[in-house]
C-alpha atoms as a PDB file:
ATOM      1  CA  MET A   1       0.000   0.000   0.000  1.00  0.00           C
ATOM      2  CA  ALA A   2       1.316   3.454  -0.874  1.00  0.00           C
ATOM      3  CA  GLU A   3       2.204   5.779   1.992  1.00  0.00           C
ATOM      4  CA  GLY A   4      -0.848   7.520   3.355  1.00  0.00           C
ATOM      5  CA  GLY A   5      -3.201   4.778   2.154  1.00  0.00           C
ATOM      6  CA  CYS A   6      -6.301   4.123   4.243  1.00  0.00           C
ATOM      7  CA  GLY A   7      -7.214   0.538   3.414  1.00  0.00           C
ATOM      8  CA  LEU A   8      -8.724   1.155  -0.057  1.00  0.00           C
ATOM      9  CA  ASP A   9      -7.079   1.146  -3.498  1.00  0.00           C
ATOM     10  CA  PRO A  10      -4.846   4.207  -3.840  1.00  0.00           C
ATOM     11  CA  VAL A  11      -6.462   7.347  -5.227  1.00  0.00           C
ATOM     12  CA  LEU A  12      -4.285   8.764  -8.002  1.00  0.00           C
ATOM     13  CA  CYS A  13      -3.121  12.361  -8.094  1.00  0.00           C
ATOM     14  CA  ASP A  14      -5.358  14.481 -10.347  1.00  0.00           C
ATOM     15  CA  LEU A  15      -2.355  16.504 -11.539  1.00  0.00           C
ATOM     16  CA  CYS A  16       0.398  14.024 -12.411  1.00  0.00           C
ATOM     17  CA  GLU A  17      -2.089  11.095 -12.725  1.00  0.00           C
ATOM     18  CA  HIS A  18       0.432   8.391 -11.757  1.00  0.00           C
ATOM     19  CA  LYS A  19       1.361   8.887  -8.077  1.00  0.00           C
ATOM     20  CA  ALA A  20      -0.866   8.043  -5.126  1.00  0.00           C
ATOM     21  CA  ALA A  21      -2.751  11.042  -3.764  1.00  0.00           C
ATOM     22  CA  GLN A  22      -1.986  11.735  -0.122  1.00  0.00           C
ATOM     23  CA  PHE A  23      -3.607  15.187   0.045  1.00  0.00           C
ATOM     24  CA  PHE A  24      -6.607  16.923  -1.412  1.00  0.00           C
ATOM     25  CA  CYS A  25      -7.459  20.580  -1.859  1.00  0.00           C
ATOM     26  CA  ARG A  26     -10.810  21.521  -0.402  1.00  0.00           C
ATOM     27  CA  THR A  27     -10.822  24.747  -2.398  1.00  0.00           C
ATOM     28  CA  CYS A  28     -10.402  23.257  -5.872  1.00  0.00           C
ATOM     29  CA  ASP A  29     -11.519  19.736  -4.887  1.00  0.00           C
ATOM     30  CA  GLY A  30      -8.378  18.137  -6.279  1.00  0.00           C
ATOM     31  CA  ASN A  31      -6.443  15.102  -5.142  1.00  0.00           C
ATOM     32  CA  MET A  32      -2.676  15.546  -5.025  1.00  0.00           C
ATOM     33  CA  CYS A  33       0.500  13.579  -4.368  1.00  0.00           C
ATOM     34  CA  VAL A  34       3.232  15.022  -2.150  1.00  0.00           C
ATOM     35  CA  ASP A  35       5.184  16.589  -4.999  1.00  0.00           C
ATOM     36  CA  CYS A  36       2.136  18.153  -6.651  1.00  0.00           C
ATOM     37  CA  LYS A  37       0.895  19.415  -3.297  1.00  0.00           C
ATOM     38  CA  ASP A  38       4.194  21.210  -2.728  1.00  0.00           C
ATOM     39  CA  ASP A  39       4.090  22.645  -6.242  1.00  0.00           C
ATOM     40  CA  HIS A  40       0.455  23.660  -5.701  1.00  0.00           C
ATOM     41  CA  LYS A  41       1.303  25.553  -2.514  1.00  0.00           C
ATOM     42  CA  ARG A  42       4.267  27.340  -4.132  1.00  0.00           C
ATOM     43  CA  LYS A  43       2.083  29.052  -6.723  1.00  0.00           C
ATOM     44  CA  LYS A  44       0.921  32.460  -5.544  1.00  0.00           C
ATOM     45  CA  MET A  45      -2.620  32.032  -6.871  1.00  0.00           C
ATOM     46  CA  PHE A  46      -3.099  28.895  -4.733  1.00  0.00           C
ATOM     47  CA  LEU A  47      -1.592  30.210  -1.482  1.00  0.00           C
ATOM     48  CA  ARG A  48      -4.961  30.510   0.249  1.00  0.00           C
ATOM     49  CA  HIS A  49      -6.191  27.097  -0.848  1.00  0.00           C
ATOM     50  CA  ASP A  50      -7.092  24.683   1.952  1.00  0.00           C
ATOM     51  CA  VAL A  51      -4.950  21.569   1.391  1.00  0.00           C
ATOM     52  CA  VAL A  52      -5.450  18.722   3.878  1.00  0.00           C
ATOM     53  CA  LYS A  53      -4.282  15.107   4.253  1.00  0.00           C
ATOM     54  CA  MET A  54      -6.220  12.393   2.435  1.00  0.00           C
ATOM     55  CA  THR A  55      -8.682  10.635   4.786  1.00  0.00           C
ATOM     56  CA  LEU A  56     -10.695   7.444   4.642  1.00  0.00           C
ATOM     57  CA  THR A  57     -13.866   9.524   4.361  1.00  0.00           C
ATOM     58  CA  ARG A  58     -12.490  11.369   1.346  1.00  0.00           C
ATOM     59  CA  LYS A  59     -11.427   8.101  -0.301  1.00  0.00           C
ATOM     60  CA  MET A  60     -14.867   6.628   0.205  1.00  0.00           C
ATOM     61  CA  GLU A  61     -16.450   9.741  -1.277  1.00  0.00           C
ATOM     62  CA  ILE A  62     -14.277   9.217  -4.363  1.00  0.00           C
ATOM     63  CA  ASP A  63     -14.403   5.435  -4.723  1.00  0.00           C
ATOM     64  CA  GLY A  64     -17.886   4.869  -3.361  1.00  0.00           C
ATOM     65  CA  TYR A  65     -18.997   2.538  -0.587  1.00  0.00           C
ATOM     66  CA  GLY A  66     -18.820  -0.770  -2.444  1.00  0.00           C
ATOM     67  CA  HIS A  67     -21.112  -2.622  -4.836  1.00  0.00           C
ATOM     68  CA  CYS A  68     -24.533  -4.015  -3.989  1.00  0.00           C
ATOM     69  CA  ASN A  69     -24.662  -7.722  -3.158  1.00  0.00           C
ATOM     70  CA  VAL A  70     -28.058  -8.037  -4.857  1.00  0.00           C
ATOM     71  CA  HIS A  71     -27.260  -5.841  -7.883  1.00  0.00           C
ATOM     72  CA  PRO A  72     -23.464  -6.153  -8.388  1.00  0.00           C
ATOM     73  CA  GLU A  73     -23.496  -3.698 -11.241  1.00  0.00           C
ATOM     74  CA  SER A  74     -24.705  -0.917  -8.931  1.00  0.00           C
ATOM     75  CA  LYS A  75     -22.878   0.879  -6.119  1.00  0.00           C
ATOM     76  CA  TYR A  76     -24.296   1.437  -2.671  1.00  0.00           C
ATOM     77  CA  GLU A  77     -25.824   4.902  -2.576  1.00  0.00           C
ATOM     78  CA  LEU A  78     -28.355   4.725   0.254  1.00  0.00           C
ATOM     79  CA  ASN A  79     -28.699   3.245   3.738  1.00  0.00           C
ATOM     80  CA  CYS A  80     -32.008   1.570   4.654  1.00  0.00           C
ATOM     81  CA  GLN A  81     -33.051   2.953   8.034  1.00  0.00           C
ATOM     82  CA  VAL A  82     -35.437   0.044   8.642  1.00  0.00           C
ATOM     83  CA  CYS A  83     -33.034  -2.803   7.827  1.00  0.00           C
ATOM     84  CA  GLN A  84     -29.887  -0.847   8.776  1.00  0.00           C
ATOM     85  CA  ILE A  85     -27.975  -2.013   5.683  1.00  0.00           C
ATOM     86  CA  PRO A  86     -26.545  -0.225   2.627  1.00  0.00           C
ATOM     87  CA  VAL A  87     -28.597  -0.537  -0.582  1.00  0.00           C
ATOM     88  CA  CYS A  88     -28.431   0.641  -4.166  1.00  0.00           C
ATOM     89  CA  THR A  89     -31.148   2.578  -5.999  1.00  0.00           C
ATOM     90  CA  LYS A  90     -32.478  -0.645  -7.570  1.00  0.00           C
ATOM     91  CA  CYS A  91     -33.127  -2.147  -4.130  1.00  0.00           C
ATOM     92  CA  ILE A  92     -35.725   0.523  -3.438  1.00  0.00           C
ATOM     93  CA  ALA A  93     -38.100  -1.079  -5.952  1.00  0.00           C
ATOM     94  CA  GLY A  94     -37.682  -4.478  -4.294  1.00  0.00           C
ATOM     95  CA  LYS A  95     -37.799  -5.648  -0.673  1.00  0.00           C
ATOM     96  CA  HIS A  96     -36.881  -2.168   0.604  1.00  0.00           C
ATOM     97  CA  ASN A  97     -39.841  -0.506  -1.104  1.00  0.00           C
ATOM     98  CA  GLY A  98     -41.417   2.023   1.258  1.00  0.00           C
ATOM     99  CA  HIS A  99     -38.542   1.917   3.738  1.00  0.00           C
ATOM    100  CA  LYS A 100     -37.049   5.150   5.005  1.00  0.00           C
ATOM    101  CA  MET A 101     -33.713   5.864   3.339  1.00  0.00           C
ATOM    102  CA  LYS A 102     -30.711   8.027   4.110  1.00  0.00           C
ATOM    103  CA  ASP A 103     -27.820   9.086   1.898  1.00  0.00           C
ATOM    104  CA  ILE A 104     -25.037   6.561   2.490  1.00  0.00           C
ATOM    105  CA  SER A 105     -22.345   9.186   3.061  1.00  0.00           C
ATOM    106  CA  THR A 106     -24.506  10.791   5.762  1.00  0.00           C
ATOM    107  CA  ALA A 107     -25.158   7.393   7.330  1.00  0.00           C
ATOM    108  CA  TYR A 108     -21.427   6.633   7.214  1.00  0.00           C
ATOM    109  CA  LEU A 109     -20.477   9.893   8.929  1.00  0.00           C
ATOM    110  CA  GLU A 110     -23.169   9.390  11.587  1.00  0.00           C
ATOM    111  CA  ALA A 111     -21.951   5.842  12.250  1.00  0.00           C
ATOM    112  CA  LYS A 112     -18.376   7.096  12.429  1.00  0.00           C
ATOM    113  CA  ARG A 113     -19.446   9.766  14.933  1.00  0.00           C
ATOM    114  CA  ARG A 114     -21.252   7.190  17.105  1.00  0.00           C
ATOM    115  CA  ILE A 115     -18.202   4.932  17.077  1.00  0.00           C
ATOM    116  CA  SER A 116     -16.009   7.868  18.083  1.00  0.00           C
ATOM    117  CA  GLU A 117     -18.381   8.634  20.965  1.00  0.00           C
ATOM    118  CA  VAL A 118     -18.218   5.014  22.141  1.00  0.00           C
ATOM    119  CA  ILE A 119     -14.420   5.037  21.936  1.00  0.00           C
ATOM    120  CA  ASN A 120     -14.305   8.308  23.876  1.00  0.00           C
ATOM    121  CA  GLU A 121     -16.643   6.845  26.504  1.00  0.00           C
ATOM    122  CA  VAL A 122     -14.409   3.784  26.835  1.00  0.00           C
ATOM    123  CA  ASP A 123     -11.249   5.906  27.053  1.00  0.00           C
ATOM    124  CA  SER A 124     -12.611   8.513  29.446  1.00  0.00           C
ATOM    125  CA  HIS A 125     -14.834   6.431  31.741  1.00  0.00           C
ATOM    126  CA  LEU A 126     -14.736   2.654  31.311  1.00  0.00           C
ATOM    127  CA  ILE A 127     -10.954   2.167  31.198  1.00  0.00           C
ATOM    128  CA  PRO A 128     -10.316   4.467  34.224  1.00  0.00           C
ATOM    129  CA  ALA A 129     -13.128   2.703  36.121  1.00  0.00           C
ATOM    130  CA  TYR A 130     -11.640  -0.679  35.202  1.00  0.00           C
ATOM    131  CA  LYS A 131      -8.218   0.447  36.420  1.00  0.00           C
ATOM    132  CA  ARG A 132      -9.748   1.681  39.686  1.00  0.00           C
ATOM    133  CA  ASN A 133     -11.482  -1.685  40.155  1.00  0.00           C
ATOM    134  CA  ILE A 134      -8.180  -3.473  39.568  1.00  0.00           C
ATOM    135  CA  GLU A 135      -6.501  -1.226  42.134  1.00  0.00           C
ATOM    136  CA  ASP A 136      -9.319  -1.882  44.634  1.00  0.00           C
ATOM    137  CA  LEU A 137      -9.018  -5.649  44.089  1.00  0.00           C
ATOM    138  CA  GLU A 138      -5.253  -5.498  44.533  1.00  0.00           C
ATOM    139  CA  THR A 139      -5.742  -3.561  47.768  1.00  0.00           C
ATOM    140  CA  LEU A 140      -8.332  -6.107  48.947  1.00  0.00           C
ATOM    141  CA  LEU A 141      -6.013  -8.983  48.048  1.00  0.00           C
ATOM    142  CA  GLY A 142      -3.230  -7.282  49.971  1.00  0.00           C
ATOM    143  CA  ASP A 143      -5.519  -6.961  53.014  1.00  0.00           C
ATOM    144  CA  VAL A 144      -6.500 -10.642  52.796  1.00  0.00           C
ATOM    145  CA  ASN A 145      -2.860 -11.706  52.530  1.00  0.00           C
ATOM    146  CA  LYS A 146      -1.982  -9.506  55.491  1.00  0.00           C
ATOM    147  CA  GLN A 147      -4.831 -10.959  57.581  1.00  0.00           C
ATOM    148  CA  THR A 148      -3.720 -14.473  56.600  1.00  0.00           C
ATOM    149  CA  ARG A 149      -0.150 -13.773  57.730  1.00  0.00           C
ATOM    150  CA  GLU A 150      -1.414 -12.260  60.985  1.00  0.00           C
ATOM    151  CA  LEU A 151      -3.621 -15.297  61.615  1.00  0.00           C
ATOM    152  CA  GLU A 152      -0.738 -17.663  60.932  1.00  0.00           C
ATOM    153  CA  GLN A 153       1.420 -15.728  63.395  1.00  0.00           C
ATOM    154  CA  THR A 154      -1.156 -16.193  66.172  1.00  0.00           C
ATOM    155  CA  VAL A 155      -0.711 -19.971  66.061  1.00  0.00           C
ATOM    156  CA  ASN A 156       2.472 -19.664  68.109  1.00  0.00           C
ATOM    157  CA  GLN A 157       1.140 -16.998  70.475  1.00  0.00           C
ATOM    158  CA  SER A 158      -0.756 -17.381  73.734  1.00  0.00           C
ATOM    159  CA  ILE A 159      -3.478 -14.939  72.652  1.00  0.00           C
ATOM    160  CA  VAL A 160      -5.669 -15.467  69.557  1.00  0.00           C
ATOM    161  CA  TRP A 161      -7.541 -12.496  68.111  1.00  0.00           C
ATOM    162  CA  ILE A 162     -10.932 -13.212  66.560  1.00  0.00           C
ATOM    163  CA  ARG A 163     -12.755 -11.043  64.025  1.00  0.00           C
ATOM    164  CA  GLY A 164     -16.538 -10.933  64.333  1.00  0.00           C
ATOM    165  CA  GLY A 165     -16.746 -12.586  67.747  1.00  0.00           C
ATOM    166  CA  GLN A 166     -15.250 -12.092  71.185  1.00  0.00           C
ATOM    167  CA  ALA A 167     -12.106  -9.998  71.151  1.00  0.00           C
ATOM    168  CA  THR A 168      -9.552 -12.574  72.281  1.00  0.00           C
ATOM    169  CA  VAL A 169      -9.157 -16.226  73.166  1.00  0.00           C
ATOM    170  CA  HIS A 170      -6.606 -17.450  75.710  1.00  0.00           C
ATOM    171  CA  LYS A 171      -5.586 -20.714  74.128  1.00  0.00           C
ATOM    172  CA  ILE A 172      -4.567 -23.968  75.736  1.00  0.00           C
ATOM    173  CA  ASP A 173      -4.377 -25.825  72.428  1.00  0.00           C
ATOM    174  CA  MET A 174      -4.921 -24.975  68.787  1.00  0.00           C
ATOM    175  CA  GLN A 175      -5.425 -27.187  65.727  1.00  0.00           C
ATOM    176  CA  GLU A 176      -6.226 -26.630  62.061  1.00  0.00           C
ATOM    177  CA  ASN A 177      -9.132 -28.709  60.780  1.00  0.00           C
ATOM    178  CA  VAL A 178      -9.420 -30.349  57.352  1.00  0.00           C
ATOM    179  CA  ASN A 179     -11.542 -27.399  56.132  1.00  0.00           C
ATOM    180  CA  GLN A 180      -8.804 -24.990  57.361  1.00  0.00           C
ATOM    181  CA  ASP A 181     -10.878 -23.849  60.359  1.00  0.00           C
ATOM    182  CA  ILE A 182      -8.788 -22.960  63.410  1.00  0.00           C
ATOM    183  CA  CYS A 183     -10.008 -24.737  66.572  1.00  0.00           C
ATOM    184  CA  VAL A 184      -8.895 -23.304  69.933  1.00  0.00           C
ATOM    185  CA  SER A 185      -9.556 -24.554  73.449  1.00  0.00           C
ATOM    186  CA  ASP A 186      -9.965 -21.692  75.953  1.00  0.00           C
ATOM    187  CA  CYS A 187      -9.965 -22.775  79.590  1.00  0.00           C
ATOM    188  CA  THR A 188     -10.550 -19.205  80.850  1.00  0.00           C
ATOM    189  CA  LYS A 189     -13.911 -19.043  79.063  1.00  0.00           C
ATOM    190  CA  CYS A 190     -14.654 -22.766  79.487  1.00  0.00           C
ATOM    191  CA  SER A 191     -15.238 -23.151  75.766  1.00  0.00           C
ATOM    192  CA  VAL A 192     -13.797 -24.240  72.428  1.00  0.00           C
ATOM    193  CA  ILE A 193     -13.756 -21.467  69.824  1.00  0.00           C
ATOM    194  CA  VAL A 194     -13.656 -22.155  66.079  1.00  0.00           C
ATOM    195  CA  VAL A 195     -12.869 -19.514  63.437  1.00  0.00           C
ATOM    196  CA  ASP A 196     -12.383 -19.804  59.691  1.00  0.00           C
ATOM    197  CA  ARG A 197      -9.016 -19.291  58.004  1.00  0.00           C
ATOM    198  CA  THR A 198      -9.520 -15.486  57.852  1.00  0.00           C
ATOM    199  CA  GLY A 199     -10.327 -15.226  61.564  1.00  0.00           C
ATOM    200  CA  ILE A 200     -14.119 -14.934  61.185  1.00  0.00           C
ATOM    201  CA  PHE A 201     -15.974 -16.486  64.136  1.00  0.00           C
ATOM    202  CA  ARG A 202     -17.825 -19.714  63.242  1.00  0.00           C
ATOM    203  CA  PHE A 203     -19.034 -21.248  66.513  1.00  0.00           C
ATOM    204  CA  ALA A 204     -18.278 -21.881  70.173  1.00  0.00           C
ATOM    205  CA  TYR A 205     -18.805 -25.111  72.112  1.00  0.00           C
ATOM    206  CA  GLU A 206     -19.349 -24.894  75.874  1.00  0.00           C
ATOM    207  CA  GLY A 207     -19.619 -28.528  76.892  1.00  0.00           C
ATOM    208  CA  GLY A 208     -23.122 -29.406  75.770  1.00  0.00           C
ATOM    209  CA  PHE A 209     -24.361 -29.883  79.343  1.00  0.00           C
ATOM    210  CA  ILE A 210     -28.081 -29.470  80.014  1.00  0.00           C
ATOM    211  CA  GLN A 211     -29.282 -26.303  81.761  1.00  0.00           C
ATOM    212  CA  ASN A 212     -29.620 -27.809  85.272  1.00  0.00           C
ATOM    213  CA  ASP A 213     -26.315 -29.662  85.096  1.00  0.00           C
ATOM    214  CA  ASP A 214     -23.872 -28.135  87.597  1.00  0.00           C
ATOM    215  CA  ARG A 215     -20.794 -29.403  85.774  1.00  0.00           C
ATOM    216  CA  SER A 216     -18.368 -26.848  84.329  1.00  0.00           C
ATOM    217  CA  PHE A 217     -16.709 -27.559  81.003  1.00  0.00           C
ATOM    218  CA  GLY A 218     -12.916 -27.787  81.382  1.00  0.00           C
ATOM    219  CA  PRO A 219     -11.397 -28.063  77.881  1.00  0.00           C
ATOM    220  CA  ALA A 220      -7.696 -28.878  77.803  1.00  0.00           C
ATOM    221  CA  GLU A 221      -6.266 -30.129  74.520  1.00  0.00           C
ATOM    222  CA  LEU A 222      -8.036 -30.964  71.280  1.00  0.00           C
ATOM    223  CA  ASP A 223      -7.431 -32.591  67.918  1.00  0.00           C
ATOM    224  CA  THR A 224      -9.297 -33.257  64.671  1.00  0.00           C
ATOM    225  CA  ASP A 225      -9.623 -36.415  62.597  1.00  0.00           C
ATOM    226  CA  LYS A 226      -9.717 -37.066  58.846  1.00  0.00           C
ATOM    227  CA  ASP A 227     -13.491 -36.348  58.720  1.00  0.00           C
ATOM    228  CA  GLY A 228     -13.106 -32.980  60.428  1.00  0.00           C
ATOM    229  CA  ASN A 229     -14.567 -34.192  63.719  1.00  0.00           C
ATOM    230  CA  ILE A 230     -13.237 -32.368  66.786  1.00  0.00           C
ATOM    231  CA  LEU A 231     -12.109 -34.319  69.874  1.00  0.00           C
ATOM    232  CA  ILE A 232     -11.703 -32.411  73.158  1.00  0.00           C
ATOM    233  CA  SER A 233     -10.215 -33.580  76.451  1.00  0.00           C
ATOM    234  CA  ASP A 234     -12.287 -32.317  79.413  1.00  0.00           C
ATOM    235  CA  GLU A 235     -10.082 -32.796  82.457  1.00  0.00           C
ATOM    236  CA  GLU A 236     -12.643 -31.171  84.764  1.00  0.00           C
ATOM    237  CA  ASN A 237     -15.167 -33.953  84.123  1.00  0.00           C
ATOM    238  CA  SER A 238     -12.928 -36.831  82.954  1.00  0.00           C
ATOM    239  CA  LEU A 239     -14.568 -36.839  79.527  1.00  0.00           C
ATOM    240  CA  VAL A 240     -13.570 -36.769  75.884  1.00  0.00           C
ATOM    241  CA  HIS A 241     -16.115 -34.873  73.756  1.00  0.00           C
ATOM    242  CA  LEU A 242     -16.706 -35.599  70.065  1.00  0.00           C
ATOM    243  CA  LEU A 243     -18.109 -32.822  67.807  1.00  0.00           C
ATOM    244  CA  ASP A 244     -18.714 -32.817  64.075  1.00  0.00           C
ATOM    245  CA  ILE A 245     -17.032 -30.343  61.749  1.00  0.00           C
ATOM    246  CA  ASP A 246     -19.788 -27.746  62.343  1.00  0.00           C
ATOM    247  CA  GLY A 247     -19.658 -27.952  66.148  1.00  0.00           C
ATOM    248  CA  ARG A 248     -22.633 -30.259  66.742  1.00  0.00           C
ATOM    249  CA  PHE A 249     -22.186 -32.557  69.762  1.00  0.00           C
ATOM    250  CA  LEU A 250     -22.070 -36.227  68.753  1.00  0.00           C
ATOM    251  CA  GLN A 251     -21.167 -38.120  71.928  1.00  0.00           C
ATOM    252  CA  TYR A 252     -18.787 -38.589  74.822  1.00  0.00           C
ATOM    253  CA  ILE A 253     -16.405 -41.137  73.362  1.00  0.00           C
ATOM    254  CA  LEU A 254     -14.572 -41.674  76.677  1.00  0.00           C
ATOM    255  CA  THR A 255     -15.729 -41.260  80.282  1.00  0.00           C
ATOM    256  CA  ALA A 256     -14.516 -42.245  83.746  1.00  0.00           C
ATOM    257  CA  LYS A 257     -16.197 -45.610  83.184  1.00  0.00           C
ATOM    258  CA  ASP A 258     -13.663 -46.268  80.428  1.00  0.00           C
ATOM    259  CA  GLY A 259     -10.845 -45.897  82.926  1.00  0.00           C
ATOM    260  CA  ILE A 260      -9.700 -42.328  82.279  1.00  0.00           C
ATOM    261  CA  SER A 261      -9.177 -39.643  84.907  1.00  0.00           C
ATOM    262  CA  LYS A 262      -8.535 -35.969  84.211  1.00  0.00           C
ATOM    263  CA  PRO A 263      -7.417 -36.406  80.588  1.00  0.00           C
ATOM    264  CA  ARG A 264      -5.207 -33.652  79.198  1.00  0.00           C
ATOM    265  CA  GLY A 265      -2.941 -34.586  76.276  1.00  0.00           C
ATOM    266  CA  LEU A 266      -4.895 -35.855  73.276  1.00  0.00           C
ATOM    267  CA  LYS A 267      -3.881 -36.888  69.764  1.00  0.00           C
ATOM    268  CA  VAL A 268      -5.535 -38.782  66.877  1.00  0.00           C
ATOM    269  CA  ASP A 269      -3.128 -40.786  64.687  1.00  0.00           C
ATOM    270  CA  ASP A 270      -3.427 -41.824  61.021  1.00  0.00           C
ATOM    271  CA  GLU A 271      -5.111 -45.102  62.008  1.00  0.00           C
ATOM    272  CA  ASP A 272      -7.926 -43.312  63.881  1.00  0.00           C
ATOM    273  CA  ARG A 273      -6.534 -44.274  67.267  1.00  0.00           C
ATOM    274  CA  LEU A 274      -6.894 -41.808  70.114  1.00  0.00           C
ATOM    275  CA  TRP A 275      -3.841 -41.312  72.353  1.00  0.00           C
ATOM    276  CA  ILE A 276      -4.573 -39.882  75.818  1.00  0.00           C
ATOM    277  CA  THR A 277      -2.412 -38.630  78.680  1.00  0.00           C
ATOM    278  CA  GLU A 278      -3.745 -37.950  82.199  1.00  0.00           C
ATOM    279  CA  ILE A 279      -2.633 -35.374  84.746  1.00  0.00           C
ATOM    280  CA  ASN A 280      -1.989 -37.865  87.534  1.00  0.00           C
ATOM    281  CA  ALA A 281      -0.730 -40.796  85.474  1.00  0.00           C
ATOM    282  CA  GLN A 282       2.709 -41.324  83.967  1.00  0.00           C
ATOM    283  CA  ARG A 283       1.507 -43.406  81.060  1.00  0.00           C
ATOM    284  CA  ILE A 284      -0.239 -43.049  77.703  1.00  0.00           C
ATOM    285  CA  LYS A 285      -3.519 -44.767  76.955  1.00  0.00           C
ATOM    286  CA  VAL A 286      -4.614 -45.660  73.426  1.00  0.00           C
ATOM    287  CA  PHE A 287      -8.237 -46.132  72.383  1.00  0.00           C
ATOM    288  CA  ARG A 288      -9.974 -46.934  69.095  1.00  0.00           C
ATOM    289  CA  TYR A 289     -12.981 -44.628  69.126  1.00  0.00           C
ATOM    290  CA  LEU A 290     -14.444 -45.365  65.667  1.00  0.00           C
ATOM    291  CA  ASP A 291     -16.386 -48.509  64.865  1.00  0.00           C
END
């Protein structure tokens, strides 16, 4: 394509008739190549002529807007406002009879203007809004990552901060469940607190005793199994509590009748065996708590 071309066949210079026109004179309505344009401007009589660069619109005005698909011998001259397609004059007598028409050059310029408005809207509003949304998401992601790091740091601290629930938990033991919940036993509040991985409060378990039961829940250590169940040693009542992953009480899997007294250390191994230590005993007891 010759320099200055706009996607159509080159328009030839009206003066030399062999070079591609890259300019046209609005005053004398002539198409000119670079050399002829310079020569045109040097002549005193043409000094005030308005010479501008060749545009796609100008080329289309010269070459037309293509040939009709229905009548290939005819060029598009009109735009059907009902069907929103270009048509030739012969189409008017056919399926477009009675439809409102508009000159195709006018329709082209209007469409070009609408496209420019859309592009300006995208450039001035949509792209900046998109960039702001990206920045907001990056800030939010940074906050989430920061909260995750802070939560991970609390695992080795004696105080656990909880978002959305009570301010702090004084932990005796802490475990991560299979769903990434953090389970904490808090002897000062006589409860087990569970939060999700971001620190949002999920539930608290306070022993499951009935209202008139005078026993006080004394959680010591806890662990979780492969199903997400939570096992809690209750040294105050010589019990081991079993909860499901959502904190619902299932059963006491060990009691004093099973030969345990003031259980403290508690661990579930890969074979679903429960290992227990007691405050006043210098030995480890192993139980199989699943059928």
